[in-house]
N, C-alpha and C. Protein backbone atom coordinates (compact mmCIF):
# COMPACT_ATOMS: atom_id res chain seq x y z
N UNK A 1 90.60 131.01 146.56
CA UNK A 1 91.84 130.30 147.82
C UNK A 1 91.21 130.35 148.71
N UNK A 2 90.03 131.35 149.74
CA UNK A 2 89.38 131.27 150.65
C UNK A 2 88.37 129.81 150.36
N UNK A 3 88.29 128.95 149.94
CA UNK A 3 87.80 128.06 149.38
C UNK A 3 88.30 126.60 150.06
N UNK A 4 89.71 126.78 149.70
CA UNK A 4 90.73 125.76 150.18
C UNK A 4 91.13 126.17 151.66
N UNK A 5 90.66 127.49 152.03
CA UNK A 5 91.29 127.45 153.61
C UNK A 5 90.26 127.14 154.41
N UNK A 6 88.75 127.18 154.04
CA UNK A 6 87.49 126.66 154.57
C UNK A 6 87.71 124.98 154.73
N UNK A 7 87.80 124.62 153.90
CA UNK A 7 88.55 122.89 153.88
C UNK A 7 89.63 122.45 154.50
N UNK A 8 90.14 123.35 154.66
CA UNK A 8 91.47 122.99 155.62
C UNK A 8 91.18 123.28 157.20
N UNK A 9 90.24 124.43 157.23
CA UNK A 9 89.18 124.05 158.74
C UNK A 9 88.67 123.17 158.96
N UNK A 10 87.99 123.23 158.22
CA UNK A 10 86.98 121.91 158.27
C UNK A 10 87.66 120.77 158.89
N UNK A 11 88.69 120.26 157.95
CA UNK A 11 89.77 118.95 158.15
C UNK A 11 90.43 118.91 159.64
N UNK A 12 90.52 120.38 159.66
CA UNK A 12 91.36 120.34 161.08
C UNK A 12 90.26 120.41 161.97
N UNK A 13 88.67 120.18 161.85
CA UNK A 13 87.67 120.36 163.13
C UNK A 13 87.59 119.03 163.02
N UNK A 14 87.43 118.20 162.32
CA UNK A 14 87.21 116.62 161.96
C UNK A 14 88.35 115.88 162.48
N UNK A 15 89.33 116.44 162.68
CA UNK A 15 91.14 115.60 163.14
C UNK A 15 91.32 114.80 161.66
N UNK A 16 90.60 115.19 160.88
CA UNK A 16 91.93 114.62 159.54
C UNK A 16 92.90 115.19 159.33
N UNK A 17 94.20 114.75 160.01
CA UNK A 17 95.14 115.03 160.21
C UNK A 17 96.07 115.17 158.71
N UNK A 18 95.95 113.98 157.76
CA UNK A 18 96.20 113.96 156.30
C UNK A 18 95.83 114.80 155.25
N UNK A 19 94.70 114.95 155.59
CA UNK A 19 93.75 116.14 154.83
C UNK A 19 94.10 117.12 155.01
N UNK A 20 94.81 118.09 156.37
CA UNK A 20 95.37 119.32 157.00
C UNK A 20 96.81 118.76 156.19
N UNK A 21 97.59 118.21 156.55
CA UNK A 21 98.87 118.40 155.92
C UNK A 21 99.29 118.60 154.61
N UNK A 22 98.17 117.83 153.82
CA UNK A 22 98.29 117.93 152.29
C UNK A 22 97.91 118.88 151.87
N UNK A 23 96.94 119.61 152.09
CA UNK A 23 96.28 120.87 151.66
C UNK A 23 97.74 122.18 151.88
N UNK A 24 98.34 121.91 153.24
CA UNK A 24 99.10 122.73 153.77
C UNK A 24 100.50 122.83 152.72
N UNK A 25 100.54 121.69 152.33
CA UNK A 25 101.74 121.13 151.71
C UNK A 25 101.47 121.79 150.36
N UNK A 26 100.54 121.51 149.71
CA UNK A 26 99.87 122.17 148.72
C UNK A 26 99.75 123.82 148.61
N UNK A 27 99.38 124.54 149.66
CA UNK A 27 99.55 125.89 149.87
C UNK A 27 101.36 126.39 150.23
N UNK A 28 101.90 125.56 150.39
CA UNK A 28 103.21 126.48 150.61
C UNK A 28 104.41 125.87 149.62
N UNK A 29 104.17 124.28 149.70
CA UNK A 29 105.36 124.25 148.48
C UNK A 29 105.20 125.53 147.00
N UNK A 30 106.30 125.40 146.74
CA UNK A 30 106.92 126.46 145.08
C UNK A 30 106.13 125.85 143.98
N UNK A 31 105.91 127.14 143.35
CA UNK A 31 104.66 126.81 141.85
C UNK A 31 105.66 126.07 140.91
N UNK A 32 105.71 125.07 140.35
CA UNK A 32 106.34 124.32 139.42
C UNK A 32 105.73 124.54 137.82
N UNK A 33 106.04 124.98 137.17
CA UNK A 33 105.34 124.40 135.63
C UNK A 33 105.53 123.26 135.31
N UNK A 34 104.20 122.57 134.72
CA UNK A 34 105.20 121.28 133.68
C UNK A 34 104.79 121.85 132.43
N UNK A 35 105.63 121.29 131.46
CA UNK A 35 106.05 121.75 130.77
C UNK A 35 105.07 120.33 129.66
N UNK A 36 104.56 120.38 129.23
CA UNK A 36 103.48 119.57 128.24
C UNK A 36 103.56 119.60 126.74
N UNK A 37 104.59 119.80 126.51
CA UNK A 37 104.81 119.77 124.98
C UNK A 37 106.24 119.39 124.39
N UNK A 38 106.39 118.26 123.24
CA UNK A 38 107.65 118.18 122.85
C UNK A 38 107.54 118.43 121.23
N UNK A 39 108.82 118.39 120.68
CA UNK A 39 109.17 118.53 119.69
C UNK A 39 108.91 117.24 118.57
N UNK A 40 107.95 117.50 117.42
CA UNK A 40 107.63 116.08 116.34
C UNK A 40 109.33 116.30 115.90
N UNK A 41 109.47 115.35 114.94
CA UNK A 41 110.71 114.94 113.95
C UNK A 41 110.90 116.67 113.33
N UNK A 42 109.79 116.98 112.37
CA UNK A 42 109.55 118.11 112.01
C UNK A 42 110.16 119.38 112.86
N UNK A 43 110.46 119.59 113.88
CA UNK A 43 110.64 120.54 114.87
C UNK A 43 109.30 121.26 115.44
N UNK A 44 108.57 120.91 114.68
CA UNK A 44 107.04 121.35 115.34
C UNK A 44 106.70 121.09 116.65
N UNK A 45 106.07 121.62 117.28
CA UNK A 45 105.64 121.62 118.98
C UNK A 45 104.37 121.25 118.63
N UNK A 46 104.23 119.93 119.96
CA UNK A 46 103.14 119.21 120.36
C UNK A 46 102.98 119.02 121.31
N UNK A 47 101.20 119.79 121.73
CA UNK A 47 100.86 119.86 122.70
C UNK A 47 99.94 118.92 123.26
N UNK A 48 98.64 118.05 122.01
CA UNK A 48 98.23 117.47 122.24
C UNK A 48 99.03 115.93 123.27
N UNK A 49 98.06 115.42 124.19
CA UNK A 49 98.59 114.58 125.34
C UNK A 49 98.61 113.26 124.14
N UNK A 50 97.66 113.20 123.70
CA UNK A 50 97.16 111.68 122.70
C UNK A 50 98.53 111.82 121.35
N UNK A 51 98.77 112.70 121.06
CA UNK A 51 100.07 113.10 120.07
C UNK A 51 101.21 112.93 121.16
N UNK A 52 101.90 113.39 122.42
CA UNK A 52 102.72 113.62 122.54
C UNK A 52 103.00 112.00 122.69
N UNK A 53 102.10 111.20 123.66
CA UNK A 53 102.13 109.89 123.39
C UNK A 53 102.89 109.04 122.30
N UNK A 54 102.48 109.16 121.35
CA UNK A 54 102.69 108.85 119.92
C UNK A 54 104.25 109.21 119.47
N UNK A 55 104.10 110.08 119.77
CA UNK A 55 105.82 110.96 119.38
C UNK A 55 106.53 110.31 120.08
N UNK A 56 106.26 109.87 121.53
CA UNK A 56 107.41 109.23 122.52
C UNK A 56 107.46 108.04 122.10
N UNK A 57 106.24 107.07 121.59
CA UNK A 57 106.39 105.49 121.29
C UNK A 57 107.27 106.13 119.78
N UNK A 58 107.31 106.89 119.03
CA UNK A 58 108.12 106.86 117.66
C UNK A 58 109.29 107.18 117.95
N UNK A 59 109.46 108.00 118.87
CA UNK A 59 110.90 107.94 119.32
C UNK A 59 111.65 106.73 119.81
N UNK A 60 110.84 106.27 120.83
CA UNK A 60 111.52 104.44 121.04
C UNK A 60 111.84 103.59 120.48
N UNK A 61 110.99 103.63 118.84
CA UNK A 61 111.25 102.92 118.12
C UNK A 61 112.07 103.32 117.42
N UNK A 62 112.62 104.09 116.88
CA UNK A 62 113.68 104.71 116.48
C UNK A 62 114.98 104.74 117.09
N UNK A 63 114.79 104.97 118.28
CA UNK A 63 115.99 104.66 118.97
C UNK A 63 116.06 103.03 118.62
N UNK A 64 115.84 102.42 119.71
CA UNK A 64 115.78 101.40 119.21
C UNK A 64 115.82 99.82 118.20
N UNK A 65 115.40 101.33 117.13
CA UNK A 65 115.54 100.35 115.96
C UNK A 65 116.71 99.48 115.07
N UNK A 66 116.65 98.28 115.02
CA UNK A 66 118.12 97.96 114.16
C UNK A 66 118.48 98.58 113.22
N UNK A 67 119.67 99.42 113.00
CA UNK A 67 119.68 99.92 111.50
C UNK A 67 120.99 98.98 110.65
N UNK A 68 121.12 98.10 111.55
CA UNK A 68 122.23 97.49 110.92
C UNK A 68 121.65 96.52 109.26
N UNK A 69 122.98 96.75 108.68
CA UNK A 69 122.31 95.80 107.56
C UNK A 69 122.22 94.16 107.99
N UNK A 70 120.83 93.89 107.32
CA UNK A 70 121.11 92.36 108.04
C UNK A 70 121.73 91.11 106.65
N UNK A 71 121.75 91.58 106.15
CA UNK A 71 122.81 90.57 105.05
C UNK A 71 123.71 90.33 105.15
N UNK A 72 124.98 91.80 105.80
CA UNK A 72 126.14 92.23 105.83
C UNK A 72 126.34 91.60 106.93
N UNK A 73 127.63 90.49 107.01
CA UNK A 73 128.44 89.60 107.92
C UNK A 73 129.54 90.50 108.76
N UNK A 74 129.45 90.48 109.44
CA UNK A 74 130.48 91.07 110.71
C UNK A 74 131.56 90.25 110.60
N UNK A 75 132.85 91.12 110.14
CA UNK A 75 134.25 90.11 110.60
C UNK A 75 135.29 90.32 111.43
N UNK A 76 135.43 89.71 112.38
CA UNK A 76 136.04 90.02 113.86
C UNK A 76 137.40 89.50 113.36
N UNK A 77 137.80 90.44 114.03
CA UNK A 77 139.80 89.96 114.29
C UNK A 77 140.27 88.79 114.90
N UNK A 78 140.95 87.80 114.95
CA UNK A 78 141.37 87.36 116.60
C UNK A 78 142.44 87.89 117.15
N UNK A 79 142.61 88.31 118.50
CA UNK A 79 143.97 88.72 118.91
C UNK A 79 145.02 87.79 118.97
N UNK A 80 146.11 88.14 118.93
CA UNK A 80 147.31 87.65 118.92
C UNK A 80 147.11 86.47 120.50
N UNK A 81 147.54 85.15 120.34
CA UNK A 81 147.65 84.30 121.76
C UNK A 81 148.79 85.21 122.24
N UNK A 82 149.14 85.02 123.49
CA UNK A 82 149.61 85.78 124.54
C UNK A 82 151.36 84.98 124.88
N UNK A 83 152.06 86.07 124.04
CA UNK A 83 153.62 85.72 124.39
C UNK A 83 154.50 84.48 125.76
N UNK A 84 154.79 83.94 125.33
CA UNK A 84 155.18 82.86 126.68
C UNK A 84 156.14 84.02 127.63
N UNK A 85 157.12 85.04 127.24
CA UNK A 85 157.20 85.96 128.06
C UNK A 85 156.26 86.71 128.87
N UNK A 86 155.14 87.15 128.31
CA UNK A 86 153.86 87.65 128.82
C UNK A 86 153.57 86.48 130.14
N UNK A 87 153.16 85.26 129.71
CA UNK A 87 152.65 84.12 130.82
C UNK A 87 153.77 84.16 131.22
N UNK A 88 154.73 84.28 131.77
CA UNK A 88 156.25 83.94 132.33
C UNK A 88 156.02 84.91 133.16
N UNK A 89 155.85 86.09 132.82
CA UNK A 89 155.78 87.47 134.23
C UNK A 89 154.52 87.09 134.42
N UNK A 90 153.54 86.68 134.34
CA UNK A 90 152.39 87.03 135.03
C UNK A 90 152.67 85.65 136.09
N UNK A 91 152.80 84.68 135.81
CA UNK A 91 152.76 83.68 136.76
C UNK A 91 154.23 83.97 137.96
N UNK A 92 155.44 84.75 137.45
CA UNK A 92 156.09 85.10 138.43
C UNK A 92 155.73 86.23 139.23
N UNK A 93 154.77 87.18 138.51
CA UNK A 93 153.67 88.05 139.18
C UNK A 93 153.27 87.92 140.49
N UNK A 94 152.31 86.54 140.40
CA UNK A 94 151.22 85.96 141.26
C UNK A 94 151.63 85.56 142.67
N UNK A 95 151.33 85.65 143.47
CA UNK A 95 151.60 85.37 144.75
C UNK A 95 151.14 83.57 144.93
N UNK A 96 152.24 83.38 146.03
CA UNK A 96 151.89 81.42 146.84
C UNK A 96 150.51 81.57 147.16
N UNK A 97 150.03 80.37 147.78
CA UNK A 97 148.74 80.22 148.03
C UNK A 97 147.75 80.44 147.87
N UNK A 98 147.74 81.05 146.42
CA UNK A 98 146.19 81.39 146.30
C UNK A 98 145.10 80.34 146.25
N UNK A 99 143.70 80.48 146.15
CA UNK A 99 143.01 79.68 146.24
C UNK A 99 142.48 79.60 143.98
N UNK A 100 141.72 78.17 143.81
CA UNK A 100 141.54 78.52 142.83
C UNK A 100 140.13 79.48 141.80
N UNK A 101 140.89 79.86 141.10
CA UNK A 101 139.46 81.02 140.36
C UNK A 101 138.41 80.58 139.68
N UNK A 102 137.95 81.22 139.19
CA UNK A 102 136.38 80.94 138.85
C UNK A 102 136.61 79.49 137.88
N UNK A 103 137.65 79.45 137.58
CA UNK A 103 138.15 77.88 136.38
C UNK A 103 137.91 77.05 136.99
N UNK A 104 138.37 76.93 138.52
CA UNK A 104 138.67 76.04 139.74
C UNK A 104 139.77 75.10 139.18
N UNK A 105 140.56 76.33 138.86
CA UNK A 105 142.35 75.63 138.29
C UNK A 105 142.99 75.97 139.83
N UNK A 106 143.63 75.30 140.02
CA UNK A 106 144.54 75.28 141.65
C UNK A 106 145.73 75.85 140.94
N UNK A 107 146.00 77.45 141.59
CA UNK A 107 147.32 78.12 141.59
C UNK A 107 148.42 77.11 142.19
N UNK A 108 149.51 76.86 140.90
CA UNK A 108 150.58 76.48 141.38
C UNK A 108 152.10 76.65 140.62
N UNK A 109 152.26 77.68 141.29
CA UNK A 109 153.37 77.86 140.97
C UNK A 109 154.84 77.42 140.54
N UNK A 110 154.53 76.52 142.03
CA UNK A 110 156.36 75.80 142.48
C UNK A 110 156.38 74.80 141.65
N UNK A 111 154.83 74.00 140.74
CA UNK A 111 155.18 73.29 139.99
C UNK A 111 155.13 73.10 138.68
N UNK A 112 155.39 74.23 138.74
CA UNK A 112 155.59 74.50 136.95
C UNK A 112 156.92 75.49 136.38
N UNK A 113 157.55 75.10 135.44
CA UNK A 113 158.44 75.88 135.05
C UNK A 113 158.05 76.67 133.86
N UNK A 114 159.26 77.72 133.17
CA UNK A 114 158.52 78.58 132.58
C UNK A 114 158.56 78.03 130.92
N UNK A 115 159.10 76.80 130.75
CA UNK A 115 158.47 75.80 129.52
C UNK A 115 157.07 74.96 129.91
N UNK A 116 156.42 75.40 130.76
CA UNK A 116 154.77 74.87 130.78
C UNK A 116 155.17 72.93 131.32
N UNK A 117 156.68 72.67 131.54
CA UNK A 117 156.57 71.16 132.01
C UNK A 117 156.60 71.02 133.75
N UNK A 118 155.93 69.99 133.88
CA UNK A 118 155.78 70.05 135.92
C UNK A 118 157.14 69.38 135.57
N UNK A 119 156.79 69.69 137.22
CA UNK A 119 158.44 68.86 138.07
C UNK A 119 157.32 68.14 139.21
N UNK A 120 158.63 67.08 139.10
CA UNK A 120 157.49 66.20 140.18
C UNK A 120 157.80 65.72 141.25
């Protein structure tokens, strides 16, 4: 501790304020012990830094491994088409004067009737 205080006084005499503030910060901050230990797959504690890095690599590989079967095909079921009544209700609920959406199709409720035919 005396060595740190001597360095602090020396830095202050030289005008090295950056060093002064860093030293004061290290002296005044609360102690937080660092946890340098992880568990292996078997539940054993690993303290060696090299082994900790290896365990993290192993953990990430397991986490991102593709565990799905390669030959198995996925089956998807199609959602049924919307009912005419659902489309009609959606059109009725839309406000007039809307601009084109991301599909660049302009909204024209007044030009459509419920059967989807255009009025002239």
